[in-house]
Amino acid sequence: MRLLSPLLALALTANAQTDWPSYGHDDLGQRFSPLTQINPQNVGRLKLAWQYGVTPPAQPGRVAVVPTSEVTPIVAGGLIYYPATDRTLVALDPATGREVWKRDLGSPAPRRGVTYWAGDTDNTARVIVGTGDGHMLALNARTGVPIPGFGVEGSVSLRTGVADNFPQMAYRMSSPGSIYKT
């Protein structure tokens, strides 16, 4: 069974005010954590705080084939967001690993991660996620419910105008997007 990195969970709970809100940590994709609590002198003393299974449950009579995952979980607004290999997106409490919400995406989850937008005075915070069938979804970051004003009930087809002449061709958003001019 694949597990969400225990070190990530420990690192994030050690300094809860520091988020990792995008795939590359920040808008510039620097991939550098400012956390200082974990260092070469104490890393060997880390203990598992919690773990979360992210593979689909076994089905009787079927060989389990686990798709590869290159996901970078993000941490924003007090939650960890993780697209699992079972076609779901989960929001977890970083301190306990408790599942806050879980959303069936209806098709394979993205292999690299999701995008978070903190919202503004008129719009709630949201998580943007691409699906394996060529859609982009906007979900309420606190509840996982689709945002009604985004596309058609929270979903935009990315195929329209791009893959119209190739209806059987695979087309998906496998990497997280970037927020531009909100």
N, C-alpha and C. Protein backbone atom coordinates (compact mmCIF):
# COMPACT_ATOMS: atom_id res chain seq x y z
N MET A 1 0.85 -1.17 0.00
CA MET A 1 0.00 0.00 0.00
C MET A 1 0.90 1.24 0.00
N ARG A 2 0.56 2.21 -0.84
CA ARG A 2 1.29 3.48 -0.85
C ARG A 2 0.72 4.38 0.22
N LEU A 3 1.58 5.15 0.83
CA LEU A 3 1.16 6.02 1.92
C LEU A 3 1.61 7.44 1.68
N LEU A 4 0.81 8.37 2.17
CA LEU A 4 1.22 9.76 2.15
C LEU A 4 2.46 9.86 3.02
N SER A 5 3.45 10.55 2.57
CA SER A 5 4.74 10.60 3.24
C SER A 5 4.62 10.99 4.70
N PRO A 6 5.07 10.10 5.61
CA PRO A 6 5.05 10.45 7.03
C PRO A 6 5.94 11.65 7.32
N LEU A 7 7.04 11.79 6.60
CA LEU A 7 7.90 12.95 6.83
C LEU A 7 7.20 14.24 6.46
N LEU A 8 6.39 14.21 5.38
CA LEU A 8 5.63 15.40 5.01
C LEU A 8 4.68 15.75 6.14
N ALA A 9 3.99 14.76 6.67
CA ALA A 9 3.04 15.01 7.75
C ALA A 9 3.75 15.58 8.97
N LEU A 10 4.90 15.02 9.31
CA LEU A 10 5.64 15.53 10.47
C LEU A 10 6.15 16.94 10.23
N ALA A 11 6.67 17.18 9.04
CA ALA A 11 7.22 18.50 8.74
C ALA A 11 6.13 19.57 8.76
N LEU A 12 4.97 19.23 8.24
CA LEU A 12 3.91 20.22 8.15
C LEU A 12 3.29 20.52 9.51
N THR A 13 3.17 19.50 10.35
CA THR A 13 2.58 19.76 11.66
C THR A 13 3.57 20.47 12.57
N ALA A 14 4.86 20.36 12.30
CA ALA A 14 5.86 21.02 13.13
C ALA A 14 5.74 22.54 13.04
N ASN A 15 5.25 23.04 11.92
CA ASN A 15 5.14 24.48 11.74
C ASN A 15 3.85 24.75 10.98
N ALA A 16 2.72 24.62 11.67
CA ALA A 16 1.41 24.66 11.02
C ALA A 16 1.12 25.96 10.29
N GLN A 17 1.75 27.07 10.65
CA GLN A 17 1.46 28.32 9.97
C GLN A 17 2.13 28.40 8.60
N THR A 18 3.01 27.50 8.25
CA THR A 18 3.69 27.53 6.97
C THR A 18 3.00 26.56 6.02
N ASP A 19 2.45 27.09 4.93
CA ASP A 19 1.76 26.27 3.94
C ASP A 19 2.71 25.86 2.81
N TRP A 20 2.28 24.89 2.04
CA TRP A 20 2.90 24.49 0.79
C TRP A 20 1.74 24.53 -0.21
N PRO A 21 1.33 25.74 -0.64
CA PRO A 21 0.07 25.90 -1.33
C PRO A 21 0.05 25.56 -2.82
N SER A 22 1.19 25.21 -3.39
CA SER A 22 1.17 24.83 -4.80
C SER A 22 2.19 23.74 -5.07
N TYR A 23 2.07 23.16 -6.23
CA TYR A 23 2.90 22.03 -6.65
C TYR A 23 4.39 22.27 -6.41
N GLY A 24 4.89 23.44 -6.70
CA GLY A 24 6.30 23.76 -6.51
C GLY A 24 6.58 24.58 -5.27
N HIS A 25 5.71 24.55 -4.29
CA HIS A 25 5.72 25.27 -3.02
C HIS A 25 5.19 26.69 -3.15
N ASP A 26 5.67 27.46 -4.13
CA ASP A 26 5.21 28.83 -4.26
C ASP A 26 4.94 29.14 -5.73
N ASP A 27 4.48 30.34 -6.02
CA ASP A 27 4.13 30.70 -7.40
C ASP A 27 5.32 30.62 -8.35
N LEU A 28 6.53 30.72 -7.83
CA LEU A 28 7.72 30.64 -8.67
C LEU A 28 8.24 29.20 -8.81
N GLY A 29 7.62 28.25 -8.12
CA GLY A 29 8.04 26.86 -8.21
C GLY A 29 9.42 26.62 -7.61
N GLN A 30 9.73 27.30 -6.51
CA GLN A 30 11.06 27.21 -5.92
C GLN A 30 11.35 25.86 -5.25
N ARG A 31 10.31 25.12 -4.88
CA ARG A 31 10.47 23.80 -4.26
C ARG A 31 11.40 23.82 -3.03
N PHE A 32 11.36 24.88 -2.27
CA PHE A 32 12.18 25.03 -1.08
C PHE A 32 11.28 25.31 0.11
N SER A 33 11.48 24.56 1.17
CA SER A 33 10.70 24.77 2.38
C SER A 33 11.47 25.65 3.35
N PRO A 34 10.80 26.65 3.90
CA PRO A 34 11.46 27.50 4.89
C PRO A 34 11.48 26.87 6.29
N LEU A 35 10.94 25.67 6.43
CA LEU A 35 10.91 25.02 7.74
C LEU A 35 12.32 24.77 8.26
N THR A 36 12.53 25.00 9.54
CA THR A 36 13.86 24.80 10.13
C THR A 36 13.85 23.81 11.29
N GLN A 37 12.67 23.32 11.70
CA GLN A 37 12.61 22.43 12.85
C GLN A 37 13.29 21.09 12.59
N ILE A 38 13.27 20.62 11.33
CA ILE A 38 13.90 19.35 10.99
C ILE A 38 15.23 19.67 10.33
N ASN A 39 16.29 19.07 10.88
CA ASN A 39 17.64 19.33 10.37
C ASN A 39 18.46 18.05 10.43
N PRO A 40 19.68 18.04 9.93
CA PRO A 40 20.50 16.82 9.94
C PRO A 40 20.72 16.24 11.33
N GLN A 41 20.69 17.07 12.36
CA GLN A 41 20.93 16.58 13.71
C GLN A 41 19.72 15.85 14.31
N ASN A 42 18.49 16.20 13.91
CA ASN A 42 17.33 15.58 14.55
C ASN A 42 16.49 14.73 13.60
N VAL A 43 16.79 14.68 12.34
CA VAL A 43 15.96 13.94 11.39
C VAL A 43 15.85 12.46 11.76
N GLY A 44 16.88 11.89 12.33
CA GLY A 44 16.85 10.48 12.71
C GLY A 44 15.93 10.18 13.88
N ARG A 45 15.48 11.19 14.58
CA ARG A 45 14.59 11.00 15.73
C ARG A 45 13.11 11.17 15.37
N LEU A 46 12.82 11.43 14.10
CA LEU A 46 11.41 11.59 13.70
C LEU A 46 10.65 10.29 13.91
N LYS A 47 9.40 10.42 14.28
CA LYS A 47 8.51 9.27 14.48
C LYS A 47 7.27 9.47 13.61
N LEU A 48 6.68 8.39 13.20
CA LEU A 48 5.46 8.43 12.40
C LEU A 48 4.33 9.05 13.21
N ALA A 49 3.74 10.12 12.69
CA ALA A 49 2.61 10.77 13.35
C ALA A 49 1.30 10.12 12.93
N TRP A 50 1.14 9.84 11.65
CA TRP A 50 -0.05 9.19 11.10
C TRP A 50 0.26 8.77 9.67
N GLN A 51 -0.58 7.96 9.10
CA GLN A 51 -0.46 7.59 7.70
C GLN A 51 -1.85 7.46 7.09
N TYR A 52 -1.90 7.65 5.79
CA TYR A 52 -3.18 7.59 5.09
C TYR A 52 -3.00 6.73 3.85
N GLY A 53 -3.75 5.64 3.75
CA GLY A 53 -3.67 4.77 2.58
C GLY A 53 -4.30 5.44 1.38
N VAL A 54 -3.62 5.41 0.25
CA VAL A 54 -4.13 6.10 -0.94
C VAL A 54 -4.38 5.17 -2.12
N THR A 55 -4.28 3.88 -1.92
CA THR A 55 -4.56 2.97 -3.02
C THR A 55 -5.98 2.42 -2.88
N PRO A 56 -6.60 2.02 -4.00
CA PRO A 56 -7.96 1.50 -3.91
C PRO A 56 -8.00 0.18 -3.16
N PRO A 57 -9.13 -0.13 -2.53
CA PRO A 57 -9.24 -1.39 -1.81
C PRO A 57 -9.19 -2.58 -2.77
N ALA A 58 -8.67 -3.69 -2.28
CA ALA A 58 -8.59 -4.91 -3.09
C ALA A 58 -9.99 -5.42 -3.42
N GLN A 59 -10.14 -5.97 -4.61
CA GLN A 59 -11.41 -6.55 -5.03
C GLN A 59 -11.22 -8.05 -5.22
N PRO A 60 -12.10 -8.86 -4.64
CA PRO A 60 -11.95 -10.32 -4.74
C PRO A 60 -11.88 -10.77 -6.21
N GLY A 61 -10.92 -11.64 -6.50
CA GLY A 61 -10.80 -12.21 -7.83
C GLY A 61 -10.11 -11.31 -8.85
N ARG A 62 -9.64 -10.16 -8.44
CA ARG A 62 -8.98 -9.23 -9.37
C ARG A 62 -7.56 -8.96 -8.91
N VAL A 63 -6.66 -8.92 -9.86
CA VAL A 63 -5.29 -8.57 -9.56
C VAL A 63 -5.22 -7.06 -9.39
N ALA A 64 -4.62 -6.63 -8.30
CA ALA A 64 -4.51 -5.20 -8.04
C ALA A 64 -3.41 -4.58 -8.89
N VAL A 65 -3.78 -3.61 -9.69
CA VAL A 65 -2.81 -2.86 -10.47
C VAL A 65 -2.87 -1.43 -9.95
N VAL A 66 -1.79 -0.99 -9.35
CA VAL A 66 -1.76 0.34 -8.76
C VAL A 66 -1.10 1.29 -9.75
N PRO A 67 -1.85 2.31 -10.18
CA PRO A 67 -1.25 3.27 -11.10
C PRO A 67 -0.15 4.06 -10.40
N THR A 68 0.80 4.50 -11.18
CA THR A 68 1.88 5.29 -10.59
C THR A 68 1.36 6.65 -10.16
N SER A 69 2.02 7.22 -9.20
CA SER A 69 1.65 8.54 -8.71
C SER A 69 2.91 9.38 -8.57
N GLU A 70 2.83 10.60 -9.04
CA GLU A 70 3.92 11.56 -8.90
C GLU A 70 3.41 12.78 -8.14
N VAL A 71 2.42 12.56 -7.31
CA VAL A 71 1.71 13.65 -6.65
C VAL A 71 2.57 14.34 -5.60
N THR A 72 2.51 15.66 -5.62
CA THR A 72 3.03 16.49 -4.54
C THR A 72 1.80 17.00 -3.80
N PRO A 73 1.54 16.48 -2.59
CA PRO A 73 0.41 17.01 -1.83
C PRO A 73 0.63 18.49 -1.56
N ILE A 74 -0.44 19.25 -1.46
CA ILE A 74 -0.30 20.66 -1.10
C ILE A 74 -0.95 20.89 0.26
N VAL A 75 -0.50 21.92 0.93
CA VAL A 75 -1.05 22.29 2.23
C VAL A 75 -1.42 23.76 2.16
N ALA A 76 -2.69 24.03 2.37
CA ALA A 76 -3.17 25.41 2.30
C ALA A 76 -4.45 25.54 3.11
N GLY A 77 -4.62 26.67 3.73
CA GLY A 77 -5.85 26.91 4.48
C GLY A 77 -6.10 25.90 5.58
N GLY A 78 -5.05 25.30 6.11
CA GLY A 78 -5.20 24.36 7.21
C GLY A 78 -5.50 22.93 6.81
N LEU A 79 -5.42 22.59 5.52
CA LEU A 79 -5.69 21.22 5.08
C LEU A 79 -4.62 20.73 4.11
N ILE A 80 -4.45 19.42 4.04
CA ILE A 80 -3.62 18.77 3.02
C ILE A 80 -4.58 18.30 1.93
N TYR A 81 -4.26 18.59 0.67
CA TYR A 81 -5.06 18.14 -0.47
C TYR A 81 -4.23 17.13 -1.25
N TYR A 82 -4.85 15.96 -1.50
CA TYR A 82 -4.11 14.87 -2.12
C TYR A 82 -4.99 14.12 -3.11
N PRO A 83 -4.65 14.12 -4.41
CA PRO A 83 -5.40 13.28 -5.35
C PRO A 83 -4.88 11.85 -5.25
N ALA A 84 -5.74 10.95 -4.88
CA ALA A 84 -5.36 9.55 -4.68
C ALA A 84 -5.48 8.75 -5.98
N THR A 85 -4.89 7.57 -5.98
CA THR A 85 -4.92 6.73 -7.18
C THR A 85 -6.27 6.07 -7.42
N ASP A 86 -7.22 6.26 -6.52
CA ASP A 86 -8.53 5.62 -6.68
C ASP A 86 -9.59 6.57 -7.26
N ARG A 87 -9.17 7.59 -8.02
CA ARG A 87 -10.09 8.53 -8.67
C ARG A 87 -10.72 9.52 -7.69
N THR A 88 -10.06 9.74 -6.58
CA THR A 88 -10.62 10.66 -5.59
C THR A 88 -9.62 11.76 -5.25
N LEU A 89 -10.15 12.82 -4.69
CA LEU A 89 -9.35 13.89 -4.11
C LEU A 89 -9.75 13.95 -2.65
N VAL A 90 -8.78 13.96 -1.76
CA VAL A 90 -9.08 14.00 -0.33
C VAL A 90 -8.49 15.25 0.29
N ALA A 91 -9.15 15.72 1.32
CA ALA A 91 -8.65 16.80 2.16
C ALA A 91 -8.44 16.20 3.54
N LEU A 92 -7.24 16.37 4.07
CA LEU A 92 -6.87 15.77 5.34
C LEU A 92 -6.45 16.83 6.35
N ASP A 93 -6.72 16.55 7.62
CA ASP A 93 -6.23 17.40 8.70
C ASP A 93 -4.74 17.09 8.87
N PRO A 94 -3.84 18.06 8.70
CA PRO A 94 -2.41 17.76 8.77
C PRO A 94 -1.93 17.29 10.13
N ALA A 95 -2.61 17.67 11.19
CA ALA A 95 -2.17 17.27 12.53
C ALA A 95 -2.52 15.83 12.86
N THR A 96 -3.66 15.35 12.34
CA THR A 96 -4.14 14.02 12.73
C THR A 96 -4.25 13.02 11.58
N GLY A 97 -4.27 13.51 10.34
CA GLY A 97 -4.49 12.63 9.19
C GLY A 97 -5.95 12.31 8.97
N ARG A 98 -6.83 12.89 9.80
CA ARG A 98 -8.27 12.64 9.66
C ARG A 98 -8.76 13.16 8.32
N GLU A 99 -9.59 12.37 7.68
CA GLU A 99 -10.19 12.75 6.40
C GLU A 99 -11.28 13.78 6.65
N VAL A 100 -11.11 14.97 6.11
CA VAL A 100 -12.09 16.05 6.26
C VAL A 100 -13.17 15.90 5.20
N TRP A 101 -12.76 15.65 3.96
CA TRP A 101 -13.70 15.32 2.89
C TRP A 101 -12.98 14.51 1.82
N LYS A 102 -13.79 13.80 1.04
CA LYS A 102 -13.28 12.98 -0.06
C LYS A 102 -14.25 13.15 -1.22
N ARG A 103 -13.71 13.42 -2.41
CA ARG A 103 -14.55 13.68 -3.58
C ARG A 103 -14.18 12.71 -4.68
N ASP A 104 -15.18 11.99 -5.20
CA ASP A 104 -14.99 11.12 -6.36
C ASP A 104 -14.89 12.02 -7.59
N LEU A 105 -13.80 11.92 -8.33
CA LEU A 105 -13.60 12.76 -9.51
C LEU A 105 -14.25 12.18 -10.76
N GLY A 106 -14.69 10.94 -10.70
CA GLY A 106 -15.37 10.33 -11.84
C GLY A 106 -14.46 9.77 -12.90
N SER A 107 -13.20 10.09 -12.85
CA SER A 107 -12.20 9.56 -13.78
C SER A 107 -10.86 9.66 -13.07
N PRO A 108 -9.80 9.11 -13.66
CA PRO A 108 -8.52 9.12 -12.95
C PRO A 108 -8.10 10.50 -12.47
N ALA A 109 -7.53 10.52 -11.28
CA ALA A 109 -7.04 11.76 -10.68
C ALA A 109 -5.75 12.18 -11.36
N PRO A 110 -5.40 13.45 -11.23
CA PRO A 110 -4.15 13.91 -11.82
C PRO A 110 -2.96 13.22 -11.16
N ARG A 111 -1.90 13.04 -11.91
CA ARG A 111 -0.74 12.32 -11.39
C ARG A 111 0.25 13.19 -10.64
N ARG A 112 0.11 14.51 -10.72
CA ARG A 112 1.12 15.35 -10.09
C ARG A 112 0.57 16.27 -9.00
N GLY A 113 -0.70 16.57 -8.98
CA GLY A 113 -1.23 17.39 -7.90
C GLY A 113 -2.38 18.28 -8.31
N VAL A 114 -2.70 19.20 -7.43
CA VAL A 114 -3.83 20.10 -7.60
C VAL A 114 -3.38 21.54 -7.38
N THR A 115 -4.28 22.48 -7.64
CA THR A 115 -4.00 23.90 -7.46
C THR A 115 -4.96 24.46 -6.41
N TYR A 116 -4.45 25.33 -5.57
CA TYR A 116 -5.26 25.96 -4.53
C TYR A 116 -5.36 27.45 -4.82
N TRP A 117 -6.55 28.01 -4.62
CA TRP A 117 -6.75 29.45 -4.70
C TRP A 117 -7.44 29.87 -3.41
N ALA A 118 -6.88 30.85 -2.71
CA ALA A 118 -7.37 31.26 -1.40
C ALA A 118 -8.69 32.01 -1.44
N GLY A 119 -9.15 32.38 -2.63
CA GLY A 119 -10.41 33.12 -2.73
C GLY A 119 -10.19 34.61 -2.55
N ASP A 120 -11.30 35.33 -2.52
CA ASP A 120 -11.26 36.78 -2.31
C ASP A 120 -12.53 37.18 -1.57
N THR A 121 -12.85 38.46 -1.54
CA THR A 121 -14.01 38.91 -0.78
C THR A 121 -15.33 38.36 -1.32
N ASP A 122 -15.37 38.01 -2.61
CA ASP A 122 -16.61 37.52 -3.22
C ASP A 122 -16.64 36.01 -3.47
N ASN A 123 -15.50 35.36 -3.34
CA ASN A 123 -15.41 33.93 -3.69
C ASN A 123 -14.70 33.15 -2.61
N THR A 124 -15.23 31.96 -2.33
CA THR A 124 -14.64 31.09 -1.33
C THR A 124 -13.35 30.45 -1.86
N ALA A 125 -12.50 30.02 -0.96
CA ALA A 125 -11.28 29.30 -1.35
C ALA A 125 -11.67 28.05 -2.12
N ARG A 126 -10.83 27.70 -3.09
CA ARG A 126 -11.14 26.51 -3.90
C ARG A 126 -9.90 25.73 -4.29
N VAL A 127 -10.14 24.48 -4.61
CA VAL A 127 -9.11 23.59 -5.14
C VAL A 127 -9.48 23.33 -6.59
N ILE A 128 -8.52 23.50 -7.48
CA ILE A 128 -8.73 23.25 -8.91
C ILE A 128 -8.01 21.95 -9.24
N VAL A 129 -8.72 21.04 -9.89
CA VAL A 129 -8.15 19.73 -10.20
C VAL A 129 -8.54 19.31 -11.61
N GLY A 130 -7.60 18.77 -12.33
CA GLY A 130 -7.87 18.22 -13.65
C GLY A 130 -8.22 16.76 -13.53
N THR A 131 -8.97 16.25 -14.50
CA THR A 131 -9.37 14.84 -14.47
C THR A 131 -8.84 14.12 -15.70
N GLY A 132 -8.87 12.81 -15.65
CA GLY A 132 -8.38 11.98 -16.74
C GLY A 132 -9.26 12.01 -17.97
N ASP A 133 -10.44 12.60 -17.89
CA ASP A 133 -11.32 12.66 -19.06
C ASP A 133 -11.40 14.06 -19.65
N GLY A 134 -10.42 14.91 -19.34
CA GLY A 134 -10.35 16.23 -19.97
C GLY A 134 -11.20 17.31 -19.36
N HIS A 135 -11.47 17.24 -18.07
CA HIS A 135 -12.22 18.28 -17.39
C HIS A 135 -11.36 18.95 -16.33
N MET A 136 -11.71 20.15 -16.00
CA MET A 136 -11.11 20.87 -14.88
C MET A 136 -12.24 21.20 -13.92
N LEU A 137 -12.06 20.81 -12.66
CA LEU A 137 -13.08 21.01 -11.64
C LEU A 137 -12.63 22.05 -10.64
N ALA A 138 -13.56 22.84 -10.15
CA ALA A 138 -13.30 23.77 -9.05
C ALA A 138 -14.16 23.31 -7.88
N LEU A 139 -13.51 23.00 -6.76
CA LEU A 139 -14.20 22.50 -5.58
C LEU A 139 -13.98 23.45 -4.41
N ASN A 140 -15.01 23.60 -3.59
CA ASN A 140 -14.90 24.38 -2.37
C ASN A 140 -13.80 23.74 -1.51
N ALA A 141 -12.79 24.51 -1.14
CA ALA A 141 -11.65 23.97 -0.42
C ALA A 141 -12.00 23.41 0.96
N ARG A 142 -13.06 23.90 1.60
CA ARG A 142 -13.44 23.42 2.93
C ARG A 142 -14.37 22.22 2.89
N THR A 143 -15.15 22.07 1.79
CA THR A 143 -16.18 21.02 1.77
C THR A 143 -16.02 20.00 0.64
N GLY A 144 -15.28 20.35 -0.42
CA GLY A 144 -15.16 19.46 -1.57
C GLY A 144 -16.34 19.54 -2.52
N VAL A 145 -17.29 20.43 -2.27
CA VAL A 145 -18.47 20.58 -3.12
C VAL A 145 -18.10 21.42 -4.35
N PRO A 146 -18.57 21.03 -5.56
CA PRO A 146 -18.28 21.82 -6.76
C PRO A 146 -18.77 23.26 -6.65
N ILE A 147 -18.01 24.19 -7.22
CA ILE A 147 -18.35 25.61 -7.23
C ILE A 147 -19.35 25.85 -8.36
N PRO A 148 -20.61 26.19 -8.07
CA PRO A 148 -21.63 26.31 -9.11
C PRO A 148 -21.33 27.34 -10.19
N GLY A 149 -20.67 28.44 -9.89
CA GLY A 149 -20.41 29.48 -10.87
C GLY A 149 -19.20 29.23 -11.75
N PHE A 150 -18.52 28.11 -11.55
CA PHE A 150 -17.34 27.77 -12.34
C PHE A 150 -17.75 26.80 -13.45
N GLY A 151 -17.73 27.26 -14.70
CA GLY A 151 -18.16 26.40 -15.82
C GLY A 151 -19.59 25.97 -15.64
N VAL A 152 -19.83 24.69 -15.85
CA VAL A 152 -21.16 24.10 -15.66
C VAL A 152 -21.13 23.33 -14.35
N GLU A 153 -21.71 23.92 -13.34
CA GLU A 153 -21.78 23.31 -12.00
C GLU A 153 -20.42 22.83 -11.50
N GLY A 154 -19.40 23.67 -11.68
CA GLY A 154 -18.08 23.37 -11.15
C GLY A 154 -17.14 22.65 -12.09
N SER A 155 -17.52 22.47 -13.35
CA SER A 155 -16.69 21.71 -14.30
C SER A 155 -16.58 22.43 -15.64
N VAL A 156 -15.36 22.45 -16.19
CA VAL A 156 -15.11 23.00 -17.51
C VAL A 156 -14.48 21.90 -18.36
N SER A 157 -15.00 21.69 -19.57
CA SER A 157 -14.39 20.73 -20.48
C SER A 157 -13.18 21.39 -21.14
N LEU A 158 -12.04 20.76 -21.00
CA LEU A 158 -10.82 21.25 -21.64
C LEU A 158 -10.70 20.77 -23.08
N ARG A 159 -11.55 19.83 -23.46
CA ARG A 159 -11.52 19.27 -24.81
C ARG A 159 -12.13 20.22 -25.84
N THR A 160 -13.12 21.00 -25.42
CA THR A 160 -13.83 21.89 -26.33
C THR A 160 -12.87 22.86 -27.01
N GLY A 161 -12.90 22.85 -28.33
CA GLY A 161 -12.04 23.73 -29.11
C GLY A 161 -10.62 23.23 -29.28
N VAL A 162 -10.27 22.15 -28.60
CA VAL A 162 -8.92 21.60 -28.68
C VAL A 162 -8.93 20.21 -29.29
N ALA A 163 -9.82 19.37 -28.81
CA ALA A 163 -9.85 17.97 -29.26
C ALA A 163 -11.17 17.63 -29.95
N ASP A 164 -11.85 18.64 -30.49
CA ASP A 164 -13.16 18.42 -31.12
C ASP A 164 -13.09 17.39 -32.25
N ASN A 165 -12.05 17.42 -33.03
CA ASN A 165 -11.93 16.51 -34.18
C ASN A 165 -11.40 15.14 -33.80
N PHE A 166 -11.11 14.94 -32.52
CA PHE A 166 -10.54 13.68 -32.06
C PHE A 166 -11.28 13.19 -30.81
N PRO A 167 -12.55 12.84 -30.95
CA PRO A 167 -13.36 12.52 -29.77
C PRO A 167 -12.89 11.28 -28.99
N GLN A 168 -12.18 10.37 -29.63
CA GLN A 168 -11.72 9.16 -28.94
C GLN A 168 -10.31 9.31 -28.38
N MET A 169 -9.64 10.39 -28.70
CA MET A 169 -8.26 10.60 -28.26
C MET A 169 -8.21 11.00 -26.79
N ALA A 170 -7.25 10.44 -26.07
CA ALA A 170 -7.07 10.81 -24.66
C ALA A 170 -6.63 12.26 -24.56
N TYR A 171 -7.21 12.96 -23.63
CA TYR A 171 -6.85 14.36 -23.40
C TYR A 171 -7.11 14.64 -21.93
N ARG A 172 -6.09 15.04 -21.21
CA ARG A 172 -6.27 15.27 -19.78
C ARG A 172 -5.32 16.34 -19.27
N MET A 173 -5.62 16.80 -18.09
CA MET A 173 -4.78 17.76 -17.38
C MET A 173 -4.05 16.96 -16.30
N SER A 174 -2.82 16.56 -16.58
CA SER A 174 -2.11 15.69 -15.63
C SER A 174 -1.30 16.46 -14.60
N SER A 175 -0.99 17.71 -14.87
CA SER A 175 -0.24 18.53 -13.92
C SER A 175 -1.13 19.65 -13.39
N PRO A 176 -0.82 20.15 -12.21
CA PRO A 176 -1.61 21.24 -11.67
C PRO A 176 -1.48 22.50 -12.50
N GLY A 177 -2.54 23.27 -12.54
CA GLY A 177 -2.52 24.53 -13.27
C GLY A 177 -1.97 25.65 -12.41
N SER A 178 -1.91 26.82 -13.00
CA SER A 178 -1.47 28.02 -12.28
C SER A 178 -2.63 29.02 -12.32
N ILE A 179 -2.77 29.78 -11.26
CA ILE A 179 -3.81 30.80 -11.19
C ILE A 179 -3.25 32.08 -11.81
N TYR A 180 -4.02 32.68 -12.72
CA TYR A 180 -3.59 33.90 -13.40
C TYR A 180 -4.71 34.91 -13.40
N LYS A 181 -4.45 36.11 -12.97
CA LYS A 181 -5.42 37.20 -12.95
C LYS A 181 -6.75 36.80 -12.33
N THR A 182 -6.76 36.64 -11.06
CA THR A 182 -7.98 36.25 -10.36
C THR A 182 -8.93 37.40 -10.19
